[in-house]
Amino acid sequence: MSKPTWPASNSGCPEIKDQDKDGVEDANDPCPTVAGKFNGCPDTDGDGIADNLDKCPNTPGVAANKGCPEIKVEDKKVLDVAMRAVQFETATSTITKASYKNLDAVVSVLNKYPEMMVSIEGNTDNVGEPDRNQKLSERRAKACMDYLISKKIAANRLSSKGNGENNPIGDNKTKEGRQQNRRTEFNPIWR
């Protein structure tokens, strides 16, 4: 068996394929055609998270949010308040007029974070038939989603689902607990 010979242009070393010339061999480079310092991948926004792993590659963020910006405390409060404050006409999915200002605040938060998506989840107490509560929770979540869409939030940033009476946060044996369970949650998701 003869020893391999390497081109003189590589000072006698084997030729390494590195299309983007970032020093990471293509075979080990998850981004072989774009130079980068993070395992061969770029970090466009400079947040320390490589673009191929960054859900918000053009906006600096934190690892806990997959490279997307951390939601400010006051913006988290808006989503939490909306969860408790969005109300509906009794036994319907008709949003009360008093609830629109809370939904408008959610619109403002979504406009601040264009990469953020929101899962809207409707919940009910355990009064009534479970099937009816399930359908009511679905309609209420969709009503909130439709309102946000009417305020120019892109539909592909929103999803809605109903949990019926299956996710209580309060005691269904008390009036206060049932009131806590009748809610619509706005849960941030990063694309």
N, C-alpha and C. Protein backbone atom coordinates (compact mmCIF):
# COMPACT_ATOMS: atom_id res chain seq x y z
N MET A 1 0.85 -1.17 0.00
CA MET A 1 0.00 0.00 0.00
C MET A 1 0.89 1.23 0.00
N SER A 2 0.59 2.15 -0.91
CA SER A 2 1.42 3.35 -0.99
C SER A 2 0.81 4.46 -0.15
N LYS A 3 1.67 5.35 0.32
CA LYS A 3 1.22 6.48 1.12
C LYS A 3 0.53 7.49 0.21
N PRO A 4 -0.54 8.14 0.75
CA PRO A 4 -1.19 9.17 -0.08
C PRO A 4 -0.27 10.36 -0.24
N THR A 5 -0.41 11.01 -1.36
CA THR A 5 0.35 12.24 -1.58
C THR A 5 -0.63 13.40 -1.60
N TRP A 6 -0.23 14.51 -1.02
CA TRP A 6 -1.08 15.69 -0.92
C TRP A 6 -0.50 16.78 -1.79
N PRO A 7 -1.34 17.66 -2.28
CA PRO A 7 -0.86 18.72 -3.15
C PRO A 7 0.13 19.64 -2.43
N ALA A 8 1.11 20.08 -3.17
CA ALA A 8 2.11 20.99 -2.62
C ALA A 8 1.47 22.30 -2.17
N SER A 9 0.37 22.69 -2.82
CA SER A 9 -0.28 23.96 -2.47
C SER A 9 -0.81 23.95 -1.03
N ASN A 10 -1.00 22.78 -0.45
CA ASN A 10 -1.47 22.67 0.94
C ASN A 10 -0.32 22.33 1.88
N SER A 11 0.88 22.62 1.50
CA SER A 11 2.06 22.35 2.32
C SER A 11 2.11 20.90 2.77
N GLY A 12 1.69 20.01 1.90
CA GLY A 12 1.75 18.60 2.20
C GLY A 12 0.60 18.08 3.04
N CYS A 13 -0.39 18.91 3.35
CA CYS A 13 -1.55 18.50 4.15
C CYS A 13 -2.70 18.11 3.22
N PRO A 14 -3.63 17.28 3.72
CA PRO A 14 -4.76 16.91 2.88
C PRO A 14 -5.62 18.14 2.57
N GLU A 15 -6.26 18.11 1.41
CA GLU A 15 -7.14 19.21 1.03
C GLU A 15 -8.43 19.11 1.82
N ILE A 16 -8.85 20.22 2.39
CA ILE A 16 -10.07 20.28 3.17
C ILE A 16 -11.07 21.13 2.41
N LYS A 17 -12.27 20.58 2.23
CA LYS A 17 -13.29 21.33 1.51
C LYS A 17 -13.98 22.29 2.49
N ASP A 18 -13.90 23.58 2.18
CA ASP A 18 -14.49 24.63 3.01
C ASP A 18 -14.98 25.72 2.07
N GLN A 19 -16.16 25.52 1.49
CA GLN A 19 -16.69 26.45 0.48
C GLN A 19 -16.75 27.89 0.94
N ASP A 20 -17.16 28.11 2.19
CA ASP A 20 -17.35 29.49 2.66
C ASP A 20 -16.11 30.09 3.32
N LYS A 21 -15.04 29.31 3.39
CA LYS A 21 -13.74 29.78 3.91
C LYS A 21 -13.82 30.31 5.34
N ASP A 22 -14.64 29.65 6.17
CA ASP A 22 -14.73 30.09 7.56
C ASP A 22 -13.90 29.24 8.51
N GLY A 23 -13.14 28.29 7.95
CA GLY A 23 -12.28 27.46 8.77
C GLY A 23 -12.94 26.20 9.30
N VAL A 24 -14.22 25.99 8.97
CA VAL A 24 -14.92 24.79 9.40
C VAL A 24 -15.16 23.93 8.17
N GLU A 25 -14.62 22.71 8.21
CA GLU A 25 -14.75 21.80 7.08
C GLU A 25 -16.22 21.58 6.74
N ASP A 26 -16.54 21.59 5.44
CA ASP A 26 -17.93 21.45 4.99
C ASP A 26 -18.63 20.25 5.61
N ALA A 27 -17.93 19.15 5.77
CA ALA A 27 -18.53 17.94 6.33
C ALA A 27 -19.01 18.17 7.77
N ASN A 28 -18.42 19.14 8.47
CA ASN A 28 -18.78 19.43 9.86
C ASN A 28 -19.49 20.77 10.02
N ASP A 29 -19.79 21.43 8.90
CA ASP A 29 -20.34 22.78 8.92
C ASP A 29 -21.84 22.73 8.62
N PRO A 30 -22.71 23.07 9.61
CA PRO A 30 -24.14 23.05 9.34
C PRO A 30 -24.58 24.12 8.33
N CYS A 31 -23.70 25.10 8.08
CA CYS A 31 -23.98 26.18 7.11
C CYS A 31 -22.80 26.27 6.14
N PRO A 32 -22.59 25.27 5.28
CA PRO A 32 -21.37 25.19 4.49
C PRO A 32 -21.20 26.27 3.42
N THR A 33 -22.26 26.97 3.06
CA THR A 33 -22.13 27.99 2.01
C THR A 33 -22.16 29.42 2.55
N VAL A 34 -22.31 29.57 3.87
CA VAL A 34 -22.34 30.90 4.49
C VAL A 34 -21.34 30.91 5.64
N ALA A 35 -20.38 31.82 5.59
CA ALA A 35 -19.35 31.88 6.63
C ALA A 35 -19.94 32.33 7.96
N GLY A 36 -19.43 31.73 9.02
CA GLY A 36 -19.86 32.12 10.35
C GLY A 36 -18.91 31.63 11.41
N LYS A 37 -18.97 32.27 12.59
CA LYS A 37 -18.05 31.91 13.66
C LYS A 37 -18.65 30.95 14.67
N PHE A 38 -19.94 30.61 14.55
CA PHE A 38 -20.58 29.70 15.48
C PHE A 38 -20.75 28.34 14.82
N ASN A 39 -19.75 27.47 15.00
CA ASN A 39 -19.73 26.16 14.34
C ASN A 39 -19.91 26.29 12.84
N GLY A 40 -19.43 27.38 12.29
CA GLY A 40 -19.51 27.59 10.85
C GLY A 40 -20.76 28.32 10.40
N CYS A 41 -21.60 28.74 11.32
CA CYS A 41 -22.83 29.45 10.96
C CYS A 41 -22.75 30.90 11.40
N PRO A 42 -23.40 31.79 10.65
CA PRO A 42 -23.38 33.21 11.01
C PRO A 42 -24.34 33.51 12.17
N ASP A 43 -24.14 34.67 12.76
CA ASP A 43 -25.01 35.21 13.80
C ASP A 43 -25.31 36.65 13.41
N THR A 44 -26.28 36.82 12.53
CA THR A 44 -26.59 38.11 11.93
C THR A 44 -26.87 39.19 12.97
N ASP A 45 -27.63 38.86 14.01
CA ASP A 45 -28.00 39.89 14.99
C ASP A 45 -27.02 40.02 16.15
N GLY A 46 -25.96 39.19 16.17
CA GLY A 46 -24.91 39.32 17.18
C GLY A 46 -25.32 38.96 18.60
N ASP A 47 -26.35 38.11 18.74
CA ASP A 47 -26.81 37.76 20.09
C ASP A 47 -26.17 36.49 20.64
N GLY A 48 -25.23 35.91 19.90
CA GLY A 48 -24.55 34.71 20.36
C GLY A 48 -25.26 33.42 20.02
N ILE A 49 -26.34 33.50 19.24
CA ILE A 49 -27.08 32.31 18.81
C ILE A 49 -27.02 32.25 17.29
N ALA A 50 -26.44 31.17 16.79
CA ALA A 50 -26.26 31.02 15.34
C ALA A 50 -27.61 31.10 14.62
N ASP A 51 -27.59 31.72 13.45
CA ASP A 51 -28.82 31.94 12.68
C ASP A 51 -29.61 30.66 12.44
N ASN A 52 -28.92 29.53 12.23
CA ASN A 52 -29.64 28.29 11.96
C ASN A 52 -30.41 27.77 13.18
N LEU A 53 -30.11 28.30 14.36
CA LEU A 53 -30.82 27.91 15.59
C LEU A 53 -31.67 29.06 16.14
N ASP A 54 -31.55 30.23 15.55
CA ASP A 54 -32.17 31.46 16.05
C ASP A 54 -33.54 31.66 15.40
N LYS A 55 -34.60 31.69 16.21
CA LYS A 55 -35.95 31.89 15.68
C LYS A 55 -36.18 33.34 15.25
N CYS A 56 -35.32 34.25 15.71
CA CYS A 56 -35.41 35.67 15.36
C CYS A 56 -34.02 36.13 14.92
N PRO A 57 -33.52 35.67 13.77
CA PRO A 57 -32.12 35.91 13.39
C PRO A 57 -31.77 37.37 13.12
N ASN A 58 -32.75 38.23 12.96
CA ASN A 58 -32.46 39.64 12.69
C ASN A 58 -32.70 40.55 13.88
N THR A 59 -33.09 39.96 15.02
CA THR A 59 -33.36 40.73 16.23
C THR A 59 -32.62 40.08 17.39
N PRO A 60 -31.75 40.82 18.10
CA PRO A 60 -31.04 40.21 19.23
C PRO A 60 -32.01 39.68 20.28
N GLY A 61 -31.68 38.52 20.83
CA GLY A 61 -32.54 37.92 21.84
C GLY A 61 -31.77 37.08 22.82
N VAL A 62 -32.48 36.26 23.55
CA VAL A 62 -31.89 35.41 24.58
C VAL A 62 -32.11 33.95 24.23
N ALA A 63 -31.22 33.11 24.74
CA ALA A 63 -31.30 31.68 24.45
C ALA A 63 -32.61 31.08 24.94
N ALA A 64 -33.11 31.54 26.08
CA ALA A 64 -34.36 31.00 26.63
C ALA A 64 -35.54 31.20 25.69
N ASN A 65 -35.47 32.22 24.83
CA ASN A 65 -36.54 32.48 23.85
C ASN A 65 -36.10 32.09 22.45
N LYS A 66 -35.17 31.15 22.35
CA LYS A 66 -34.69 30.64 21.06
C LYS A 66 -34.12 31.75 20.18
N GLY A 67 -33.45 32.73 20.84
CA GLY A 67 -32.82 33.82 20.10
C GLY A 67 -33.73 35.01 19.87
N CYS A 68 -34.94 34.94 20.38
CA CYS A 68 -35.88 36.07 20.25
C CYS A 68 -35.78 36.95 21.48
N PRO A 69 -36.23 38.20 21.36
CA PRO A 69 -36.08 39.12 22.49
C PRO A 69 -36.89 38.67 23.70
N GLU A 70 -36.36 39.03 24.86
CA GLU A 70 -37.09 38.75 26.09
C GLU A 70 -38.28 39.71 26.17
N ILE A 71 -39.41 39.18 26.54
CA ILE A 71 -40.59 40.03 26.66
C ILE A 71 -40.44 40.87 27.91
N LYS A 72 -40.61 42.18 27.77
CA LYS A 72 -40.49 43.09 28.91
C LYS A 72 -41.56 42.77 29.94
N VAL A 73 -41.23 43.02 31.20
CA VAL A 73 -42.14 42.72 32.30
C VAL A 73 -43.51 43.37 32.08
N GLU A 74 -43.51 44.63 31.65
CA GLU A 74 -44.81 45.31 31.47
C GLU A 74 -45.62 44.69 30.34
N ASP A 75 -44.93 44.12 29.34
CA ASP A 75 -45.65 43.46 28.24
C ASP A 75 -46.20 42.11 28.68
N LYS A 76 -45.46 41.41 29.55
CA LYS A 76 -45.97 40.15 30.11
C LYS A 76 -47.24 40.43 30.92
N LYS A 77 -47.21 41.55 31.66
CA LYS A 77 -48.38 41.91 32.47
C LYS A 77 -49.61 42.14 31.59
N VAL A 78 -49.40 42.76 30.43
CA VAL A 78 -50.53 43.00 29.51
C VAL A 78 -51.18 41.67 29.14
N LEU A 79 -50.35 40.67 28.80
CA LEU A 79 -50.89 39.36 28.42
C LEU A 79 -51.58 38.70 29.61
N ASP A 80 -51.00 38.85 30.81
CA ASP A 80 -51.61 38.26 32.00
C ASP A 80 -52.94 38.93 32.35
N VAL A 81 -52.98 40.27 32.26
CA VAL A 81 -54.22 41.00 32.55
C VAL A 81 -55.30 40.61 31.54
N ALA A 82 -54.92 40.52 30.28
CA ALA A 82 -55.90 40.15 29.25
C ALA A 82 -56.50 38.78 29.55
N MET A 83 -55.68 37.88 30.10
CA MET A 83 -56.16 36.54 30.41
C MET A 83 -57.33 36.61 31.41
N ARG A 84 -57.23 37.53 32.37
CA ARG A 84 -58.28 37.64 33.38
C ARG A 84 -59.38 38.62 32.99
N ALA A 85 -59.07 39.55 32.10
CA ALA A 85 -59.98 40.66 31.86
C ALA A 85 -60.86 40.53 30.62
N VAL A 86 -60.49 39.67 29.68
CA VAL A 86 -61.35 39.52 28.50
C VAL A 86 -62.58 38.74 28.93
N GLN A 87 -63.72 39.37 28.76
CA GLN A 87 -64.98 38.76 29.18
C GLN A 87 -65.93 38.64 28.00
N PHE A 88 -66.91 37.76 28.18
CA PHE A 88 -67.86 37.45 27.12
C PHE A 88 -69.28 37.58 27.67
N GLU A 89 -70.21 37.83 26.77
CA GLU A 89 -71.61 37.79 27.17
C GLU A 89 -71.89 36.37 27.68
N THR A 90 -72.76 36.26 28.67
CA THR A 90 -73.03 34.98 29.31
C THR A 90 -73.38 33.89 28.30
N ALA A 91 -72.68 32.76 28.43
CA ALA A 91 -72.91 31.56 27.62
C ALA A 91 -72.76 31.78 26.12
N THR A 92 -71.99 32.82 25.73
CA THR A 92 -71.76 33.08 24.31
C THR A 92 -70.27 33.34 24.07
N SER A 93 -69.93 33.52 22.81
CA SER A 93 -68.56 33.90 22.46
C SER A 93 -68.50 35.38 22.05
N THR A 94 -69.52 36.14 22.42
CA THR A 94 -69.55 37.58 22.12
C THR A 94 -68.71 38.32 23.15
N ILE A 95 -67.66 38.97 22.68
CA ILE A 95 -66.75 39.71 23.55
C ILE A 95 -67.48 40.96 24.06
N THR A 96 -67.36 41.23 25.37
CA THR A 96 -67.99 42.43 25.91
C THR A 96 -67.21 43.67 25.47
N LYS A 97 -67.91 44.79 25.33
CA LYS A 97 -67.27 46.03 24.89
C LYS A 97 -66.14 46.44 25.83
N ALA A 98 -66.29 46.19 27.11
CA ALA A 98 -65.26 46.56 28.09
C ALA A 98 -63.95 45.79 27.86
N SER A 99 -64.02 44.68 27.16
CA SER A 99 -62.83 43.84 26.94
C SER A 99 -61.97 44.31 25.78
N TYR A 100 -62.50 45.16 24.92
CA TYR A 100 -61.75 45.56 23.73
C TYR A 100 -60.45 46.28 24.08
N LYS A 101 -60.44 47.09 25.14
CA LYS A 101 -59.20 47.80 25.48
C LYS A 101 -58.10 46.81 25.88
N ASN A 102 -58.47 45.70 26.52
CA ASN A 102 -57.48 44.69 26.87
C ASN A 102 -56.96 43.98 25.63
N LEU A 103 -57.85 43.69 24.70
CA LEU A 103 -57.42 43.07 23.45
C LEU A 103 -56.58 44.04 22.63
N ASP A 104 -56.90 45.32 22.67
CA ASP A 104 -56.08 46.32 21.96
C ASP A 104 -54.68 46.39 22.57
N ALA A 105 -54.58 46.19 23.88
CA ALA A 105 -53.26 46.16 24.52
C ALA A 105 -52.46 44.94 24.04
N VAL A 106 -53.14 43.81 23.82
CA VAL A 106 -52.47 42.62 23.27
C VAL A 106 -51.97 42.93 21.86
N VAL A 107 -52.77 43.65 21.07
CA VAL A 107 -52.35 44.06 19.72
C VAL A 107 -51.06 44.87 19.81
N SER A 108 -50.99 45.81 20.75
CA SER A 108 -49.78 46.64 20.92
C SER A 108 -48.56 45.79 21.24
N VAL A 109 -48.73 44.80 22.11
CA VAL A 109 -47.61 43.91 22.45
C VAL A 109 -47.18 43.14 21.21
N LEU A 110 -48.12 42.61 20.45
CA LEU A 110 -47.77 41.85 19.25
C LEU A 110 -47.07 42.74 18.22
N ASN A 111 -47.45 44.00 18.15
CA ASN A 111 -46.77 44.91 17.23
C ASN A 111 -45.34 45.22 17.67
N LYS A 112 -45.06 45.15 18.97
CA LYS A 112 -43.69 45.38 19.48
C LYS A 112 -42.77 44.20 19.17
N TYR A 113 -43.34 43.00 19.07
CA TYR A 113 -42.57 41.78 18.89
C TYR A 113 -43.05 41.07 17.63
N PRO A 114 -42.60 41.52 16.45
CA PRO A 114 -43.14 40.97 15.20
C PRO A 114 -42.83 39.49 14.96
N GLU A 115 -41.83 38.94 15.64
CA GLU A 115 -41.52 37.52 15.46
C GLU A 115 -42.33 36.64 16.41
N MET A 116 -43.03 37.25 17.36
CA MET A 116 -43.77 36.48 18.35
C MET A 116 -45.12 36.03 17.78
N MET A 117 -45.44 34.80 18.06
CA MET A 117 -46.76 34.26 17.75
C MET A 117 -47.49 34.09 19.08
N VAL A 118 -48.79 33.93 19.03
CA VAL A 118 -49.57 33.75 20.25
C VAL A 118 -50.54 32.59 20.06
N SER A 119 -50.53 31.71 21.04
CA SER A 119 -51.53 30.65 21.12
C SER A 119 -52.63 31.15 22.05
N ILE A 120 -53.83 31.26 21.53
CA ILE A 120 -54.97 31.75 22.30
C ILE A 120 -55.77 30.53 22.74
N GLU A 121 -55.92 30.38 24.06
CA GLU A 121 -56.60 29.20 24.59
C GLU A 121 -57.80 29.60 25.43
N GLY A 122 -58.96 29.11 25.04
CA GLY A 122 -60.18 29.37 25.78
C GLY A 122 -60.40 28.31 26.84
N ASN A 123 -60.91 28.73 27.99
CA ASN A 123 -61.17 27.83 29.11
C ASN A 123 -62.51 28.18 29.74
N THR A 124 -63.15 27.18 30.33
CA THR A 124 -64.44 27.41 31.00
C THR A 124 -64.39 26.82 32.40
N ASP A 125 -65.44 27.11 33.18
CA ASP A 125 -65.60 26.42 34.46
C ASP A 125 -66.31 25.09 34.17
N ASN A 126 -66.72 24.40 35.22
CA ASN A 126 -67.34 23.08 35.00
C ASN A 126 -68.86 23.11 35.07
N VAL A 127 -69.46 24.30 35.02
CA VAL A 127 -70.91 24.40 35.04
C VAL A 127 -71.44 24.07 33.64
N GLY A 128 -72.35 23.13 33.56
CA GLY A 128 -72.91 22.75 32.27
C GLY A 128 -72.29 21.47 31.74
N GLU A 129 -72.69 21.13 30.54
CA GLU A 129 -72.23 19.90 29.90
C GLU A 129 -70.80 20.05 29.38
N PRO A 130 -69.94 19.06 29.59
CA PRO A 130 -68.55 19.15 29.12
C PRO A 130 -68.43 19.43 27.62
N ASP A 131 -69.27 18.79 26.79
CA ASP A 131 -69.19 19.02 25.34
C ASP A 131 -69.54 20.46 25.00
N ARG A 132 -70.55 21.00 25.65
CA ARG A 132 -70.94 22.39 25.41
C ARG A 132 -69.82 23.33 25.86
N ASN A 133 -69.22 23.06 27.00
CA ASN A 133 -68.12 23.89 27.49
C ASN A 133 -66.92 23.84 26.54
N GLN A 134 -66.65 22.66 26.00
CA GLN A 134 -65.55 22.53 25.05
C GLN A 134 -65.79 23.42 23.83
N LYS A 135 -66.97 23.32 23.26
CA LYS A 135 -67.30 24.12 22.07
C LYS A 135 -67.30 25.61 22.39
N LEU A 136 -67.80 25.98 23.55
CA LEU A 136 -67.82 27.39 23.95
C LEU A 136 -66.39 27.92 24.09
N SER A 137 -65.51 27.13 24.70
CA SER A 137 -64.12 27.58 24.86
C SER A 137 -63.44 27.75 23.51
N GLU A 138 -63.74 26.88 22.56
CA GLU A 138 -63.18 27.00 21.21
C GLU A 138 -63.67 28.27 20.52
N ARG A 139 -64.98 28.53 20.64
CA ARG A 139 -65.55 29.73 20.00
C ARG A 139 -65.00 31.01 20.63
N ARG A 140 -64.81 31.01 21.94
CA ARG A 140 -64.28 32.20 22.61
C ARG A 140 -62.83 32.47 22.20
N ALA A 141 -62.02 31.43 22.13
CA ALA A 141 -60.63 31.62 21.70
C ALA A 141 -60.60 32.13 20.26
N LYS A 142 -61.45 31.57 19.41
CA LYS A 142 -61.50 32.02 18.02
C LYS A 142 -62.00 33.46 17.92
N ALA A 143 -62.95 33.84 18.76
CA ALA A 143 -63.45 35.22 18.75
C ALA A 143 -62.31 36.20 19.07
N CYS A 144 -61.47 35.85 20.04
CA CYS A 144 -60.32 36.70 20.37
C CYS A 144 -59.34 36.74 19.19
N MET A 145 -59.09 35.59 18.59
CA MET A 145 -58.19 35.55 17.44
C MET A 145 -58.75 36.40 16.29
N ASP A 146 -60.02 36.27 16.00
CA ASP A 146 -60.64 37.06 14.93
C ASP A 146 -60.53 38.56 15.21
N TYR A 147 -60.67 38.94 16.47
CA TYR A 147 -60.54 40.36 16.81
C TYR A 147 -59.11 40.84 16.53
N LEU A 148 -58.12 40.06 16.94
CA LEU A 148 -56.72 40.46 16.69
C LEU A 148 -56.44 40.55 15.19
N ILE A 149 -56.99 39.62 14.42
CA ILE A 149 -56.82 39.66 12.96
C ILE A 149 -57.48 40.92 12.39
N SER A 150 -58.63 41.30 12.94
CA SER A 150 -59.31 42.51 12.46
C SER A 150 -58.49 43.77 12.74
N LYS A 151 -57.54 43.66 13.68
CA LYS A 151 -56.65 44.78 14.02
C LYS A 151 -55.30 44.65 13.31
N LYS A 152 -55.29 43.87 12.23
CA LYS A 152 -54.12 43.74 11.33
C LYS A 152 -52.98 42.89 11.90
N ILE A 153 -53.26 42.01 12.85
CA ILE A 153 -52.27 41.03 13.27
C ILE A 153 -52.40 39.86 12.30
N ALA A 154 -51.30 39.47 11.68
CA ALA A 154 -51.33 38.41 10.67
C ALA A 154 -51.85 37.10 11.26
N ALA A 155 -52.75 36.47 10.53
CA ALA A 155 -53.36 35.22 10.99
C ALA A 155 -52.32 34.13 11.23
N ASN A 156 -51.22 34.14 10.47
CA ASN A 156 -50.20 33.09 10.65
C ASN A 156 -49.40 33.27 11.94
N ARG A 157 -49.64 34.34 12.67
CA ARG A 157 -49.00 34.54 13.97
C ARG A 157 -49.88 34.07 15.12
N LEU A 158 -51.08 33.62 14.81
CA LEU A 158 -52.05 33.30 15.84
C LEU A 158 -52.59 31.88 15.67
N SER A 159 -52.89 31.26 16.79
CA SER A 159 -53.62 29.99 16.76
C SER A 159 -54.62 30.03 17.91
N SER A 160 -55.68 29.27 17.77
CA SER A 160 -56.67 29.23 18.85
C SER A 160 -57.07 27.80 19.11
N LYS A 161 -57.37 27.54 20.36
CA LYS A 161 -57.89 26.22 20.73
C LYS A 161 -58.70 26.37 22.01
N GLY A 162 -59.58 25.44 22.20
CA GLY A 162 -60.38 25.43 23.41
C GLY A 162 -59.99 24.26 24.29
N ASN A 163 -59.92 24.52 25.58
CA ASN A 163 -59.61 23.46 26.55
C ASN A 163 -60.85 23.03 27.33
N GLY A 164 -61.98 23.68 27.06
CA GLY A 164 -63.18 23.36 27.82
C GLY A 164 -62.95 23.59 29.30
N GLU A 165 -63.39 22.64 30.10
CA GLU A 165 -63.24 22.74 31.55
C GLU A 165 -62.03 21.94 32.05
N ASN A 166 -61.14 21.55 31.13
CA ASN A 166 -60.05 20.63 31.45
C ASN A 166 -58.81 21.24 32.09
N ASN A 167 -58.66 22.57 32.10
CA ASN A 167 -57.47 23.21 32.67
C ASN A 167 -57.84 24.24 33.73
N PRO A 168 -58.48 23.83 34.81
CA PRO A 168 -58.85 24.81 35.83
C PRO A 168 -57.62 25.36 36.55
N ILE A 169 -57.70 26.64 36.90
CA ILE A 169 -56.64 27.24 37.74
C ILE A 169 -57.22 27.61 39.10
N GLY A 170 -58.55 27.52 39.22
CA GLY A 170 -59.23 27.80 40.48
C GLY A 170 -60.12 26.63 40.86
N ASP A 171 -60.68 26.71 42.05
CA ASP A 171 -61.54 25.65 42.57
C ASP A 171 -62.95 25.81 42.00
N ASN A 172 -63.40 24.85 41.22
CA ASN A 172 -64.73 24.92 40.62
C ASN A 172 -65.86 24.80 41.65
N LYS A 173 -65.52 24.56 42.91
CA LYS A 173 -66.55 24.47 43.96
C LYS A 173 -66.92 25.84 44.51
N THR A 174 -66.12 26.86 44.15
CA THR A 174 -66.41 28.21 44.64
C THR A 174 -66.70 29.15 43.48
N LYS A 175 -67.47 30.21 43.78
CA LYS A 175 -67.80 31.21 42.76
C LYS A 175 -66.52 31.87 42.23
N GLU A 176 -65.60 32.21 43.13
CA GLU A 176 -64.34 32.86 42.74
C GLU A 176 -63.50 31.92 41.87
N GLY A 177 -63.45 30.66 42.25
CA GLY A 177 -62.68 29.68 41.48
C GLY A 177 -63.24 29.49 40.08
N ARG A 178 -64.56 29.41 39.98
CA ARG A 178 -65.19 29.27 38.66
C ARG A 178 -64.90 30.49 37.80
N GLN A 179 -64.92 31.67 38.42
CA GLN A 179 -64.62 32.89 37.67
C GLN A 179 -63.18 32.85 37.14
N GLN A 180 -62.24 32.36 37.95
CA GLN A 180 -60.84 32.24 37.49
C GLN A 180 -60.74 31.27 36.32
N ASN A 181 -61.55 30.25 36.33
CA ASN A 181 -61.46 29.23 35.28
C ASN A 181 -62.06 29.68 33.95
N ARG A 182 -62.94 30.68 33.99
CA ARG A 182 -63.52 31.24 32.76
C ARG A 182 -62.55 32.30 32.24
N ARG A 183 -61.64 31.88 31.40
CA ARG A 183 -60.58 32.79 30.96
C ARG A 183 -60.13 32.44 29.55
N THR A 184 -59.44 33.40 28.95
CA THR A 184 -58.80 33.19 27.65
C THR A 184 -57.32 33.52 27.84
N GLU A 185 -56.45 32.56 27.57
CA GLU A 185 -55.01 32.75 27.76
C GLU A 185 -54.35 33.17 26.46
N PHE A 186 -53.35 34.04 26.59
CA PHE A 186 -52.55 34.50 25.45
C PHE A 186 -51.12 34.06 25.73
N ASN A 187 -50.70 32.95 25.13
CA ASN A 187 -49.39 32.36 25.40
C ASN A 187 -48.42 32.65 24.27
N PRO A 188 -47.32 33.39 24.58
CA PRO A 188 -46.34 33.72 23.53
C PRO A 188 -45.60 32.48 23.04
N ILE A 189 -45.35 32.45 21.74
CA ILE A 189 -44.58 31.38 21.10
C ILE A 189 -43.63 32.06 20.13
N TRP A 190 -42.40 31.61 20.09
CA TRP A 190 -41.44 32.17 19.13
C TRP A 190 -41.35 31.23 17.95
N ARG A 191 -41.46 31.78 16.74
CA ARG A 191 -41.46 31.00 15.49
C ARG A 191 -40.27 30.11 15.38
